[in-house]
Amino acid sequence: MSNNITTKQENKIAVESQFKIWSDSRDWCQQCHKEKVIQFNEQTKTTHCPQCGHTETYKDDVWRVMQAQRYVSYQYMPGKYFFSHLSKEEIFQKYLRELNHNDWTSWLIHDYVLAKMRNDKAVQDKLLETAKQIIEKMSYDPKPWNTLFEKMNDPDPEMFHQVPQIIYEFVEKKLHEMVSKEDFFDTIEGYIVNLTNIYCYSRWKNDRAACWIINEIIKLCDTPDSESIDFYTEYFGCDPLLTNFKDDLVAGKKCEISIKDSYIQWELNLANVYLQQSSALVAVQSAYEALSAKLGIHAIWPPTKILPFDISTVKKVSEIVNDPELFRLYDLATDLNSIDAPKACFYAKNFIEKVKKMLPDIIPIEQELAKQTAYIA
């Protein structure tokens, strides 16, 4: 199987953007798609792109909900330490001057257990020394503190659930403060969407712990739409990255997982699930994204670099792999999707099976280009 590409197609190949931190898609201009350039104006309730000049104006209630979602997503970022950038003395000052005992202790537990998940002894030791400093300076009874650390050091895998639980408790509390009761559930729904965005970014960064935490937070979210929670639980449940995560932690097993290969398998797993649900269109799309990811023209992150799922791009991908039958199966499955589900699923199944068979023989485009460059040199 050959990977024949034109210079024009080569120039359009999507590559992963080198983001240093996750940024919400709302932080990108919807016109010029530049990341992290949008300016938010609280007084005028507008966003402005200084590069292309595009401006969006929001109603008060929409702005309030949007900013609340952004705030909790950044302030309580899954997988990040709350006290990470602070010295022992600064952590003590937070206890003394800023946070009440319960809130400070919650973040201590969060950071300590997260450090345990990451096998980060330096953070664990710093937090232990800070607790000792507080006990000494405040003349506290050390027994409750010793019991707390004993529980956190226990090999019980359920202790890891403290991290998503603590994050969500603070998120829920903050959202109740920031938005009206009528807007609360809509805000939670938007927060869940942000979490899925962060999940994709964390996955791209090979942060398995953050991905597991995000999945568990979504399960805790208070929303009347239980189908939404069920969807994401099943969606992330298909991801090989999360398989046996807690067991690996307890066993101290370092699991080396290929981000690209596991992403491809995730999409194939999803394709099978959607096919069982008689959803031919999304089943074909998942298999197509597995194929284009293997080729190297569909980036895992960011969303602006994801290859579109439409007739023109699918046709181009079929040409790249030199298999017109692939496009024919796509065309039949998508055309019949809304009018004849059984037939659509038949063609979708054949599309998925064809993708599975061709994947092992596909040479990623970046490797093909490297070979061509070496040959020319």
Protein backbone atom coordinates (compact mmCIF):
# COMPACT_ATOMS: atom_id res chain seq x y z
CA MET A 1 0.00 0.00 0.00
CA SER A 2 1.46 3.35 -0.96
CA ASN A 3 1.11 6.76 0.61
CA ASN A 4 0.99 8.97 -2.48
CA ILE A 5 0.63 12.64 -1.53
CA THR A 6 0.88 15.83 -3.52
CA THR A 7 2.80 18.92 -2.40
CA LYS A 8 -0.52 20.69 -1.82
CA GLN A 9 -1.77 17.86 0.40
CA GLU A 10 1.58 17.78 2.22
CA ASN A 11 1.20 21.46 3.12
CA LYS A 12 -2.22 20.79 4.61
CA ILE A 13 -1.06 18.03 6.92
CA ALA A 14 -2.25 18.75 10.44
CA VAL A 15 0.44 18.76 13.14
CA GLU A 16 0.20 18.96 16.89
CA SER A 17 0.56 22.50 18.20
CA GLN A 18 3.23 22.93 20.85
CA PHE A 19 1.01 24.28 23.61
CA LYS A 20 2.71 24.74 26.97
CA ILE A 21 -0.59 24.75 28.89
CA TRP A 22 -4.13 23.79 28.05
CA SER A 23 -6.28 26.59 26.74
CA ASP A 24 -10.04 26.54 26.43
CA SER A 25 -11.28 26.71 22.84
CA ARG A 26 -13.04 29.96 23.81
CA ASP A 27 -9.55 31.45 24.19
CA TRP A 28 -9.00 31.04 20.46
CA CYS A 29 -10.38 33.33 17.82
CA GLN A 30 -13.16 31.64 15.85
CA GLN A 31 -12.17 33.65 12.77
CA CYS A 32 -8.37 33.30 12.52
CA HIS A 33 -7.99 30.33 14.92
CA LYS A 34 -5.03 31.78 16.82
CA GLU A 35 -4.54 30.17 20.20
CA LYS A 36 -4.50 32.17 23.45
CA VAL A 37 -4.94 35.61 21.88
CA ILE A 38 -8.52 36.44 22.78
CA GLN A 39 -8.95 39.41 25.14
CA PHE A 40 -11.89 39.30 27.58
CA ASN A 41 -13.48 42.62 28.60
CA GLU A 42 -15.55 42.27 31.76
CA GLN A 43 -17.10 45.75 31.47
CA THR A 44 -18.38 45.39 27.90
CA LYS A 45 -18.95 41.60 28.07
CA THR A 46 -16.97 41.15 24.86
CA THR A 47 -14.11 39.10 23.50
CA HIS A 48 -11.70 40.68 21.05
CA CYS A 49 -8.99 39.24 18.81
CA PRO A 50 -6.11 41.73 18.49
CA GLN A 51 -4.79 39.91 15.41
CA CYS A 52 -7.83 39.94 13.12
CA GLY A 53 -10.07 42.36 15.03
CA HIS A 54 -13.00 39.96 15.42
CA THR A 55 -15.23 40.91 18.38
CA GLU A 56 -18.00 38.92 20.05
CA THR A 57 -20.57 40.46 22.41
CA TYR A 58 -22.38 38.31 25.00
CA LYS A 59 -25.55 38.74 27.01
CA ASP A 60 -25.03 39.15 30.75
CA ASP A 61 -26.26 35.67 31.69
CA VAL A 62 -24.23 33.96 28.94
CA TRP A 63 -21.12 35.90 29.92
CA ARG A 64 -21.56 35.03 33.60
CA VAL A 65 -21.91 31.31 32.86
CA MET A 66 -19.01 31.30 30.42
CA GLN A 67 -16.65 33.04 32.83
CA ALA A 68 -17.69 30.76 35.68
CA GLN A 69 -16.86 27.70 33.56
CA ARG A 70 -13.51 29.17 32.57
CA TYR A 71 -12.67 30.11 36.15
CA VAL A 72 -13.21 26.69 37.70
CA SER A 73 -11.49 24.96 34.77
CA TYR A 74 -8.31 26.97 35.30
CA GLN A 75 -8.43 27.38 39.10
CA TYR A 76 -9.07 23.69 39.77
CA MET A 77 -7.23 22.16 36.84
CA PRO A 78 -7.33 18.35 37.10
CA GLY A 79 -3.88 16.86 37.55
CA LYS A 80 -2.29 20.07 38.90
CA TYR A 81 -1.02 20.61 42.44
CA PHE A 82 -2.74 23.36 44.40
CA PHE A 83 0.39 24.12 46.47
CA SER A 84 2.95 23.17 43.79
CA HIS A 85 4.59 26.56 43.34
CA LEU A 86 4.72 27.39 47.06
CA SER A 87 7.47 26.93 49.62
CA LYS A 88 6.77 25.31 53.00
CA GLU A 89 6.56 28.74 54.59
CA GLU A 90 4.14 30.02 51.93
CA ILE A 91 1.93 26.95 52.39
CA PHE A 92 1.93 27.64 56.12
CA GLN A 93 0.94 31.27 55.49
CA LYS A 94 -2.00 30.07 53.40
CA TYR A 95 -3.09 28.02 56.38
CA LEU A 96 -2.62 30.92 58.77
CA ARG A 97 -4.07 33.80 56.74
CA GLU A 98 -6.07 32.68 53.68
CA LEU A 99 -7.77 29.30 54.04
CA ASN A 100 -9.82 27.84 56.83
CA HIS A 101 -8.67 24.60 58.43
CA ASN A 102 -11.01 22.34 56.43
CA ASP A 103 -10.25 23.87 53.02
CA TRP A 104 -6.50 23.88 53.65
CA THR A 105 -6.60 20.26 54.80
CA SER A 106 -8.59 19.27 51.72
CA TRP A 107 -5.94 20.73 49.45
CA LEU A 108 -3.22 19.06 51.50
CA ILE A 109 -4.94 15.71 50.97
CA HIS A 110 -5.47 16.47 47.28
CA ASP A 111 -1.82 17.37 46.66
CA TYR A 112 -0.41 14.55 48.78
CA VAL A 113 -2.53 11.83 47.15
CA LEU A 114 -1.89 13.29 43.68
CA ALA A 115 1.85 13.21 44.44
CA LYS A 116 1.42 9.60 45.50
CA MET A 117 -0.28 8.89 42.15
CA ARG A 118 2.64 10.50 40.35
CA ASN A 119 5.26 8.91 42.63
CA ASP A 120 6.44 12.44 43.44
CA LYS A 121 8.33 12.01 46.70
CA ALA A 122 9.56 15.61 46.75
CA VAL A 123 6.02 17.01 46.97
CA GLN A 124 4.98 14.39 49.53
CA ASP A 125 7.97 15.22 51.74
CA LYS A 126 7.33 18.96 51.46
CA LEU A 127 3.70 18.56 52.53
CA LEU A 128 4.66 16.27 55.40
CA GLU A 129 7.25 18.78 56.65
CA THR A 130 4.72 21.61 56.33
CA ALA A 131 2.20 19.68 58.42
CA LYS A 132 4.86 19.12 61.08
CA GLN A 133 5.60 22.84 61.03
CA ILE A 134 1.92 23.66 61.58
CA ILE A 135 1.62 21.16 64.43
CA GLU A 136 4.65 22.67 66.12
CA LYS A 137 3.80 26.36 65.62
CA MET A 138 0.11 25.98 66.42
CA SER A 139 0.68 23.55 69.32
CA TYR A 140 -1.70 20.98 67.82
CA ASP A 141 -2.14 17.40 68.92
CA PRO A 142 -0.06 15.40 66.40
CA LYS A 143 -2.21 12.24 66.59
CA PRO A 144 -4.97 13.34 64.13
CA TRP A 145 -2.34 14.51 61.66
CA ASN A 146 -0.39 11.28 61.95
CA THR A 147 -3.61 9.32 61.37
CA LEU A 148 -4.34 11.42 58.28
CA PHE A 149 -0.95 10.67 56.72
CA GLU A 150 -1.25 6.99 57.62
CA LYS A 151 -4.54 6.83 55.72
CA MET A 152 -3.08 8.64 52.73
CA ASN A 153 -0.12 6.25 52.66
CA ASP A 154 -2.38 3.20 52.87
CA PRO A 155 -2.28 1.03 49.70
CA ASP A 156 -6.09 1.11 49.46
CA PRO A 157 -6.85 2.17 45.85
CA GLU A 158 -10.02 3.95 46.99
CA MET A 159 -7.80 6.67 48.49
CA PHE A 160 -7.09 7.90 44.95
CA HIS A 161 -10.74 8.93 44.63
CA GLN A 162 -10.06 11.69 47.16
CA VAL A 163 -8.45 13.75 44.38
CA PRO A 164 -11.44 14.04 41.99
CA GLN A 165 -13.83 14.27 44.95
CA ILE A 166 -12.02 17.25 46.47
CA ILE A 167 -11.73 19.04 43.12
CA TYR A 168 -15.42 18.65 42.37
CA GLU A 169 -16.48 19.79 45.85
CA PHE A 170 -14.61 23.07 45.33
CA VAL A 171 -15.89 23.44 41.76
CA GLU A 172 -19.50 22.92 42.80
CA LYS A 173 -19.18 25.32 45.73
CA LYS A 174 -17.62 28.02 43.54
CA LEU A 175 -20.21 27.66 40.78
CA HIS A 176 -23.03 28.05 43.30
CA GLU A 177 -21.38 31.33 44.34
CA MET A 178 -20.85 32.61 40.80
CA VAL A 179 -24.05 31.75 38.92
CA SER A 180 -27.76 31.78 39.66
CA LYS A 181 -29.66 28.66 40.63
CA GLU A 182 -31.37 28.70 37.23
CA ASP A 183 -28.01 28.75 35.44
CA PHE A 184 -26.28 26.15 37.59
CA PHE A 185 -27.03 23.02 35.56
CA ASP A 186 -26.17 24.72 32.26
CA THR A 187 -22.89 25.82 33.81
CA ILE A 188 -22.14 22.26 34.91
CA GLU A 189 -22.85 20.99 31.39
CA GLY A 190 -20.39 23.52 30.00
CA TYR A 191 -17.85 22.55 32.65
CA ILE A 192 -18.13 18.91 31.53
CA VAL A 193 -17.41 19.98 27.95
CA ASN A 194 -14.33 21.83 29.20
CA LEU A 195 -13.23 18.70 31.06
CA THR A 196 -13.41 16.65 27.88
CA ASN A 197 -11.26 19.29 26.20
CA ILE A 198 -8.74 19.11 29.04
CA TYR A 199 -8.84 15.30 28.81
CA CYS A 200 -7.73 15.43 25.17
CA TYR A 201 -4.94 17.86 26.03
CA SER A 202 -3.81 15.77 29.02
CA ARG A 203 -3.86 12.66 26.86
CA TRP A 204 -1.69 14.38 24.26
CA LYS A 205 0.74 15.21 27.08
CA ASN A 206 0.73 11.54 28.16
CA ASP A 207 -0.71 12.50 31.56
CA ARG A 208 -2.53 9.31 32.46
CA ALA A 209 -3.28 10.46 36.01
CA ALA A 210 -4.99 13.67 34.86
CA CYS A 211 -7.11 11.70 32.38
CA TRP A 212 -8.27 9.30 35.10
CA ILE A 213 -9.07 12.21 37.44
CA ILE A 214 -11.12 13.97 34.75
CA ASN A 215 -13.11 10.83 34.03
CA GLU A 216 -13.91 10.44 37.74
CA ILE A 217 -14.88 14.12 38.15
CA ILE A 218 -17.40 13.81 35.31
CA LYS A 219 -19.04 10.89 37.13
CA LEU A 220 -19.54 13.19 40.15
CA CYS A 221 -21.05 16.13 38.26
CA ASP A 222 -24.50 17.18 39.45
CA THR A 223 -26.69 17.33 36.36
CA PRO A 224 -30.24 16.13 35.66
CA ASP A 225 -29.02 14.82 32.31
CA SER A 226 -27.84 11.39 33.41
CA GLU A 227 -27.52 10.33 29.77
CA SER A 228 -24.76 12.89 29.34
CA ILE A 229 -22.77 11.37 32.23
CA ASP A 230 -23.41 7.86 30.89
CA PHE A 231 -22.20 8.92 27.45
CA TYR A 232 -18.88 10.28 28.72
CA THR A 233 -18.40 7.34 31.09
CA GLU A 234 -18.74 4.94 28.17
CA TYR A 235 -16.74 7.21 25.87
CA PHE A 236 -13.70 7.41 28.14
CA GLY A 237 -14.22 3.82 29.26
CA CYS A 238 -13.18 2.75 25.74
CA ASP A 239 -9.81 4.48 26.11
CA PRO A 240 -6.95 1.97 26.66
CA LEU A 241 -5.09 4.69 28.54
CA LEU A 242 -7.39 4.20 31.55
CA THR A 243 -7.34 0.40 31.56
CA ASN A 244 -6.15 -0.97 34.95
CA PHE A 245 -5.03 2.51 36.03
CA LYS A 246 -5.67 2.06 39.77
CA ASP A 247 -4.27 -1.47 39.80
CA ASP A 248 -1.08 -0.24 38.16
CA LEU A 249 -0.77 2.50 40.78
CA VAL A 250 -1.17 0.11 43.72
CA ALA A 251 1.31 -2.33 42.18
CA GLY A 252 3.78 0.47 41.46
CA LYS A 253 3.78 -0.59 37.83
CA LYS A 254 5.04 1.86 35.26
CA CYS A 255 2.90 1.33 32.19
CA GLU A 256 4.47 2.57 28.97
CA ILE A 257 1.62 3.37 26.60
CA SER A 258 2.01 4.77 23.10
CA ILE A 259 -0.19 7.86 22.91
CA LYS A 260 -0.71 7.54 19.18
CA ASP A 261 -1.28 3.76 19.11
CA SER A 262 -3.64 3.85 22.08
CA TYR A 263 -5.55 6.75 20.50
CA ILE A 264 -6.00 4.69 17.32
CA GLN A 265 -7.22 1.73 19.38
CA TRP A 266 -9.56 4.04 21.33
CA GLU A 267 -11.18 5.20 18.10
CA LEU A 268 -11.55 1.61 16.90
CA ASN A 269 -13.12 0.64 20.22
CA LEU A 270 -15.56 3.52 19.88
CA ALA A 271 -16.36 2.51 16.31
CA ASN A 272 -17.41 -0.94 17.52
CA VAL A 273 -19.55 0.55 20.31
CA TYR A 274 -21.31 2.95 17.96
CA LEU A 275 -21.90 0.14 15.47
CA GLN A 276 -23.56 -1.95 18.20
CA GLN A 277 -25.79 1.08 18.89
CA SER A 278 -26.72 1.23 15.18
CA SER A 279 -25.04 4.63 14.84
CA ALA A 280 -23.43 4.10 11.46
CA LEU A 281 -22.31 7.70 10.90
CA VAL A 282 -20.27 8.11 14.11
CA ALA A 283 -18.97 4.54 13.80
CA VAL A 284 -17.53 5.37 10.39
CA GLN A 285 -16.16 8.66 11.72
CA SER A 286 -14.30 6.95 14.57
CA ALA A 287 -12.73 4.40 12.23
CA TYR A 288 -11.83 7.20 9.81
CA GLU A 289 -10.13 9.16 12.61
CA ALA A 290 -8.17 6.04 13.59
CA LEU A 291 -6.98 5.77 10.00
CA SER A 292 -6.09 9.45 9.59
CA ALA A 293 -4.31 9.43 12.97
CA LYS A 294 -2.19 6.46 11.81
CA LEU A 295 -1.37 8.38 8.64
CA GLY A 296 -0.31 11.35 10.74
CA ILE A 297 -2.73 13.87 9.25
CA HIS A 298 -5.18 13.92 12.17
CA ALA A 299 -3.73 15.45 15.33
CA ILE A 300 -4.82 14.29 18.77
CA TRP A 301 -4.65 17.92 19.92
CA PRO A 302 -5.64 20.76 19.56
CA PRO A 303 -9.22 20.83 18.21
CA THR A 304 -8.23 23.33 15.51
CA LYS A 305 -5.81 20.75 14.12
CA ILE A 306 -8.30 17.90 13.85
CA LEU A 307 -9.00 16.75 10.30
CA PRO A 308 -12.62 17.44 9.25
CA PHE A 309 -14.97 14.53 8.68
CA ASP A 310 -16.58 15.45 5.37
CA ILE A 311 -16.85 14.08 1.87
CA SER A 312 -13.88 16.01 0.45
CA THR A 313 -11.37 15.09 3.17
CA VAL A 314 -12.48 11.45 3.32
CA LYS A 315 -12.02 11.27 -0.43
CA LYS A 316 -8.50 12.71 -0.10
CA VAL A 317 -7.63 10.18 2.60
CA SER A 318 -8.91 7.38 0.33
CA GLU A 319 -6.61 8.69 -2.39
CA ILE A 320 -3.68 8.85 0.01
CA VAL A 321 -4.07 5.17 0.90
CA ASN A 322 -4.89 4.40 -2.76
CA ASP A 323 -8.14 2.58 -1.94
CA PRO A 324 -11.28 3.96 -3.68
CA GLU A 325 -13.36 1.18 -2.09
CA LEU A 326 -12.89 2.91 1.25
CA PHE A 327 -14.59 6.05 -0.03
CA ARG A 328 -17.41 4.01 -1.61
CA LEU A 329 -18.19 2.32 1.72
CA TYR A 330 -18.11 5.70 3.50
CA ASP A 331 -20.44 7.21 0.90
CA LEU A 332 -22.96 4.39 1.15
CA ALA A 333 -22.94 4.25 4.96
CA THR A 334 -23.42 7.99 5.42
CA ASP A 335 -26.06 8.29 2.66
CA LEU A 336 -28.16 5.49 4.16
CA ASN A 337 -27.62 6.50 7.78
CA SER A 338 -30.87 8.44 8.17
CA ILE A 339 -33.11 6.37 5.91
CA ASP A 340 -32.04 2.73 6.23
CA ALA A 341 -30.12 2.02 9.46
CA PRO A 342 -29.53 -1.72 8.90
CA LYS A 343 -28.00 -1.18 5.45
CA ALA A 344 -25.99 1.79 6.72
CA CYS A 345 -24.58 -0.35 9.53
CA PHE A 346 -23.70 -3.09 7.02
CA TYR A 347 -21.55 -0.68 5.01
CA ALA A 348 -20.19 0.92 8.19
CA LYS A 349 -19.09 -2.50 9.43
CA ASN A 350 -17.29 -3.16 6.17
CA PHE A 351 -15.66 0.28 6.37
CA ILE A 352 -14.41 -0.44 9.89
CA GLU A 353 -13.11 -3.89 8.97
CA LYS A 354 -11.28 -2.49 5.95
CA VAL A 355 -9.63 0.16 8.12
CA LYS A 356 -8.56 -2.47 10.66
CA LYS A 357 -6.97 -4.59 7.93
CA MET A 358 -5.06 -1.74 6.32
CA LEU A 359 -3.74 -0.12 9.54
CA PRO A 360 -0.76 -2.50 10.09
CA ASP A 361 0.55 -1.81 6.56
CA ILE A 362 0.24 1.97 6.64
CA ILE A 363 3.40 4.04 6.81
CA PRO A 364 2.76 7.37 8.59
CA ILE A 365 3.19 10.32 6.27
CA GLU A 366 5.92 11.89 8.41
CA GLN A 367 7.99 8.72 7.96
CA GLU A 368 7.30 8.68 4.23
CA LEU A 369 8.40 12.32 3.94
CA ALA A 370 11.53 11.61 5.97
CA LYS A 371 12.41 8.76 3.61
CA GLN A 372 11.86 11.00 0.58
CA THR A 373 13.99 13.75 2.10
CA ALA A 374 16.78 11.30 2.89
CA TYR A 375 16.62 9.94 -0.66
CA ILE A 376 16.86 13.43 -2.17
CA ALA A 377 19.76 14.30 0.15
